[in-house]
N, C-alpha and C. Protein backbone atom coordinates (compact mmCIF):
# COMPACT_ATOMS: atom_id res chain seq x y z
N MET A 1 11.05 18.33 12.43
CA MET A 1 11.62 18.83 10.87
C MET A 1 10.94 17.88 9.87
N GLN A 2 10.31 18.54 8.83
CA GLN A 2 9.56 18.12 7.82
C GLN A 2 10.58 18.02 6.70
N SER A 3 10.70 16.88 5.89
CA SER A 3 11.24 16.83 4.86
C SER A 3 10.19 17.18 3.81
N SER A 4 10.93 17.59 2.62
CA SER A 4 10.10 18.31 1.60
C SER A 4 9.59 17.28 1.00
N GLU A 5 9.87 16.17 1.07
CA GLU A 5 8.95 14.98 -0.09
C GLU A 5 7.83 14.91 0.80
N SER A 6 7.98 14.67 2.28
CA SER A 6 6.59 14.39 2.81
C SER A 6 5.90 15.72 2.99
N ARG A 7 6.19 16.65 2.78
CA ARG A 7 5.30 18.05 3.12
C ARG A 7 4.62 17.87 1.59
N HIS A 8 5.36 17.82 0.54
CA HIS A 8 4.70 17.72 -0.86
C HIS A 8 3.68 16.89 -1.03
N PHE A 9 3.63 15.88 -0.17
CA PHE A 9 2.39 14.59 0.11
C PHE A 9 1.53 15.13 0.26
N GLN A 10 1.54 15.61 1.41
CA GLN A 10 0.39 16.41 2.16
C GLN A 10 -0.48 17.11 1.42
N LEU A 11 0.69 18.26 1.09
CA LEU A 11 -0.28 19.35 0.28
C LEU A 11 -0.34 19.34 -0.85
N ASP A 12 -0.09 18.40 -1.81
CA ASP A 12 -0.08 18.37 -3.06
C ASP A 12 -1.04 17.16 -3.52
N LEU A 13 -1.21 16.14 -2.94
CA LEU A 13 -2.00 14.98 -3.76
C LEU A 13 -3.33 15.42 -3.80
N GLY A 14 -4.21 16.06 -3.06
CA GLY A 14 -5.49 16.30 -3.33
C GLY A 14 -6.50 14.92 -2.99
N GLN A 15 -5.71 14.05 -2.51
CA GLN A 15 -6.66 12.93 -1.67
C GLN A 15 -7.24 12.96 -0.66
N PRO A 16 -8.08 12.23 -0.02
CA PRO A 16 -8.67 12.14 1.04
C PRO A 16 -7.55 11.84 2.21
N ARG A 17 -7.97 12.90 3.23
CA ARG A 17 -6.61 12.33 4.55
C ARG A 17 -6.15 11.40 4.78
N TRP A 18 -7.48 10.22 4.58
CA TRP A 18 -6.98 9.20 5.02
C TRP A 18 -5.87 8.47 4.18
N ALA A 19 -6.04 8.78 2.91
CA ALA A 19 -5.30 8.33 1.71
C ALA A 19 -4.02 9.18 1.73
N VAL A 20 -3.52 10.31 2.46
CA VAL A 20 -2.58 11.07 2.43
C VAL A 20 -1.73 10.35 3.61
N SER A 21 -2.37 9.90 4.75
CA SER A 21 -1.57 9.44 6.00
C SER A 21 -1.37 8.07 5.56
N SER A 22 -1.95 7.34 5.16
CA SER A 22 -1.57 6.07 4.38
C SER A 22 -0.11 6.15 3.72
N THR A 23 -0.13 7.06 2.64
CA THR A 23 1.17 7.53 1.76
C THR A 23 2.09 7.82 2.49
N LEU A 24 1.86 8.76 3.74
CA LEU A 24 3.20 9.20 4.67
C LEU A 24 3.36 8.06 5.42
N ASN A 25 2.83 7.42 5.58
CA ASN A 25 3.36 6.16 6.71
C ASN A 25 4.02 5.15 5.66
N ARG A 26 3.49 4.95 4.43
CA ARG A 26 4.45 4.26 3.82
C ARG A 26 5.54 4.58 3.32
N LEU A 27 5.79 6.09 2.92
CA LEU A 27 6.85 6.76 2.92
C LEU A 27 8.03 6.61 3.90
N GLY A 28 7.52 6.68 5.24
CA GLY A 28 8.19 6.63 6.56
C GLY A 28 8.99 5.24 6.41
N LEU A 29 8.17 4.36 5.89
CA LEU A 29 8.72 2.91 6.06
C LEU A 29 9.71 2.49 5.13
N ALA A 30 9.81 3.48 3.84
CA ALA A 30 10.90 3.33 2.69
C ALA A 30 12.01 4.19 2.99
N LEU A 31 11.70 5.23 3.88
CA LEU A 31 12.69 6.25 4.29
C LEU A 31 13.79 5.34 5.55
N GLU A 32 12.98 4.54 6.29
CA GLU A 32 13.39 3.92 7.06
C GLU A 32 14.29 2.89 6.85
N ASP A 33 13.92 2.17 5.96
CA ASP A 33 14.45 1.17 5.01
C ASP A 33 16.00 1.63 4.57
N GLU A 34 15.88 2.67 4.31
CA GLU A 34 17.13 3.42 3.71
C GLU A 34 17.84 4.18 4.73
N GLN A 35 17.58 4.10 6.15
CA GLN A 35 18.36 4.21 7.31
C GLN A 35 17.92 6.00 7.49
N ARG A 36 17.58 6.56 6.77
CA ARG A 36 16.96 8.16 6.74
C ARG A 36 15.93 8.59 7.87
N TYR A 37 16.51 8.00 9.06
CA TYR A 37 15.43 8.14 10.32
C TYR A 37 15.00 9.66 10.35
N VAL A 38 15.89 10.64 10.36
CA VAL A 38 15.09 11.91 10.27
C VAL A 38 13.86 12.25 9.54
N GLU A 39 13.75 11.69 8.64
CA GLU A 39 12.82 12.15 7.57
C GLU A 39 11.63 11.09 7.69
N ALA A 40 12.14 9.79 8.08
CA ALA A 40 11.04 8.67 8.25
C ALA A 40 10.31 9.02 9.54
N GLU A 41 11.13 9.60 10.54
CA GLU A 41 10.25 10.29 11.78
C GLU A 41 9.24 11.45 11.35
N ALA A 42 9.46 12.33 10.60
CA ALA A 42 8.88 13.45 10.19
C ALA A 42 7.63 12.78 9.21
N SER A 43 7.89 12.13 8.42
CA SER A 43 6.46 11.13 7.78
C SER A 43 5.98 10.69 8.55
N PHE A 44 6.43 9.96 9.28
CA PHE A 44 5.42 8.93 10.56
C PHE A 44 4.55 9.97 11.46
N GLN A 45 5.45 11.11 11.78
CA GLN A 45 4.79 12.22 12.64
C GLN A 45 3.58 12.82 11.93
N GLN A 46 3.46 13.06 10.73
CA GLN A 46 2.24 13.75 9.78
C GLN A 46 1.43 12.93 9.44
N ALA A 47 1.81 11.44 9.31
CA ALA A 47 0.84 10.70 9.24
C ALA A 47 -0.06 10.35 10.70
N LEU A 48 0.61 10.45 11.79
CA LEU A 48 -0.14 10.22 13.07
C LEU A 48 -0.90 11.48 12.99
N GLU A 49 -0.24 12.67 13.11
CA GLU A 49 -1.30 13.83 13.02
C GLU A 49 -2.54 14.13 12.51
N ILE A 50 -2.54 13.42 11.35
CA ILE A 50 -3.90 13.50 10.07
C ILE A 50 -4.40 12.54 10.81
N ARG A 51 -4.06 11.14 11.59
CA ARG A 51 -5.29 10.16 11.90
C ARG A 51 -5.70 10.58 13.16
N GLU A 52 -4.65 11.25 14.18
CA GLU A 52 -5.56 11.81 15.24
C GLU A 52 -6.50 12.93 14.92
N ALA A 53 -6.36 13.55 14.11
CA ALA A 53 -6.97 14.59 13.68
C ALA A 53 -8.54 14.06 13.28
N LEU A 54 -8.40 13.22 12.40
CA LEU A 54 -9.71 12.09 11.65
C LEU A 54 -10.29 11.29 12.79
N TYR A 55 -9.45 10.51 13.86
CA TYR A 55 -10.43 9.56 14.49
C TYR A 55 -10.06 9.80 15.80
N GLY A 56 -9.23 10.62 16.19
CA GLY A 56 -8.98 10.84 17.85
C GLY A 56 -7.69 10.00 18.24
N PRO A 57 -7.01 10.42 19.31
CA PRO A 57 -6.08 10.29 20.25
C PRO A 57 -5.95 8.50 20.27
N ARG A 58 -7.14 7.61 20.49
CA ARG A 58 -6.94 6.73 21.11
C ARG A 58 -7.71 5.57 20.07
N SER A 59 -7.75 6.27 18.65
CA SER A 59 -7.89 5.20 17.66
C SER A 59 -7.28 3.95 17.42
N PRO A 60 -7.49 2.90 16.99
CA PRO A 60 -6.72 1.79 16.61
C PRO A 60 -5.99 1.82 15.56
N THR A 61 -6.61 3.14 14.44
CA THR A 61 -5.56 3.08 13.46
C THR A 61 -4.22 4.08 13.32
N LEU A 62 -3.88 4.28 14.58
CA LEU A 62 -2.85 5.02 15.09
C LEU A 62 -1.84 3.69 15.50
N VAL A 63 -2.10 2.88 15.95
CA VAL A 63 -1.16 1.85 16.44
C VAL A 63 -0.06 1.50 15.46
N ALA A 64 -0.38 0.82 14.40
CA ALA A 64 0.76 0.66 13.21
C ALA A 64 1.91 2.00 13.45
N ILE A 65 1.18 3.00 13.16
CA ILE A 65 2.15 4.22 12.98
C ILE A 65 2.89 4.57 14.28
N LEU A 66 2.14 4.34 15.46
CA LEU A 66 3.29 4.50 16.77
C LEU A 66 4.27 3.41 16.82
N ARG A 67 3.92 2.29 16.21
CA ARG A 67 5.06 1.32 16.26
C ARG A 67 6.06 1.42 15.30
N ASN A 68 5.77 2.07 14.16
CA ASN A 68 6.63 2.45 13.42
C ASN A 68 7.52 3.70 13.96
N LEU A 69 6.86 4.53 14.60
CA LEU A 69 7.53 5.98 14.99
C LEU A 69 8.52 5.30 16.22
N ALA A 70 8.08 4.29 17.40
CA ALA A 70 8.99 3.98 17.91
C ALA A 70 10.03 3.16 17.63
N ARG A 71 10.18 2.40 16.96
CA ARG A 71 11.37 1.92 15.97
C ARG A 71 12.22 2.95 15.68
N VAL A 72 11.73 3.94 14.81
CA VAL A 72 12.70 4.87 14.57
C VAL A 72 13.23 5.59 15.44
N TYR A 73 12.43 6.09 16.39
CA TYR A 73 13.05 6.66 17.62
C TYR A 73 14.03 5.90 18.19
N THR A 74 13.97 4.62 18.25
CA THR A 74 14.98 3.77 18.85
C THR A 74 16.20 3.77 18.01
N GLU A 75 16.06 3.67 16.77
CA GLU A 75 17.34 3.64 15.94
C GLU A 75 17.66 4.84 15.89
N GLU A 76 17.24 6.41 16.60
CA GLU A 76 17.86 7.33 16.54
C GLU A 76 18.38 7.92 17.92
N GLY A 77 18.20 6.68 18.83
CA GLY A 77 18.84 6.94 20.32
C GLY A 77 17.71 7.46 21.00
N LYS A 78 16.31 7.99 20.68
CA LYS A 78 15.65 8.72 21.57
C LYS A 78 14.89 7.79 22.31
N LYS A 79 15.21 7.34 23.59
CA LYS A 79 14.81 6.03 24.18
C LYS A 79 13.37 6.75 24.98
N LYS A 80 13.19 7.97 25.34
CA LYS A 80 12.09 8.09 25.84
C LYS A 80 10.93 8.41 24.87
N GLU A 81 10.90 9.09 24.17
CA GLU A 81 10.05 9.21 22.76
C GLU A 81 9.52 7.81 22.37
N ALA A 82 10.81 6.77 22.43
CA ALA A 82 10.36 5.11 21.68
C ALA A 82 9.47 4.64 22.75
N ALA A 83 9.76 4.89 24.11
CA ALA A 83 8.94 4.26 24.98
C ALA A 83 7.46 4.88 25.14
N THR A 84 7.28 6.16 24.71
CA THR A 84 6.27 6.73 24.86
C THR A 84 5.09 6.29 23.75
N ALA A 85 5.82 6.11 22.77
CA ALA A 85 5.19 5.68 21.41
C ALA A 85 4.55 4.35 21.49
N ARG A 86 5.63 3.55 22.12
CA ARG A 86 5.24 2.00 22.45
C ARG A 86 4.21 1.76 23.49
N TYR A 87 4.37 2.76 24.40
CA TYR A 87 3.26 2.80 25.57
C TYR A 87 1.85 3.01 25.01
N ARG A 88 2.01 4.22 24.27
CA ARG A 88 0.48 4.50 23.51
C ARG A 88 -0.04 3.56 22.50
N ALA A 89 0.84 2.81 21.53
CA ALA A 89 0.40 1.84 20.72
C ALA A 89 -0.01 0.70 21.43
N ASN A 90 0.48 0.03 22.59
CA ASN A 90 0.40 -0.98 23.46
C ASN A 90 -1.05 -0.78 24.20
N HIS A 91 -1.40 0.53 24.42
CA HIS A 91 -2.69 1.06 25.36
C HIS A 91 -3.96 1.39 24.61
N ILE A 92 -4.02 1.22 23.11
CA ILE A 92 -4.99 1.52 22.56
C ILE A 92 -5.88 0.69 22.45
């Protein structure tokens, strides 16, 4: 599920995709701080998708986003997804 806020960033900023992914990651952190975990998850997912498209699935640029995603999954009670994200982050 994507929030309209994060969709807006991806579609309307007109910045290089790296900058958009960084903005989405920071948005996810802000949403996480506000305990808006579903929206934070969507923002981190979009940031991750952009970075994977730019650099591939084993790029070190994914580590921070994967760790952020794992933390949100944990807060949401999604243990399997959290473990998978942590595993990926730790094995890049």
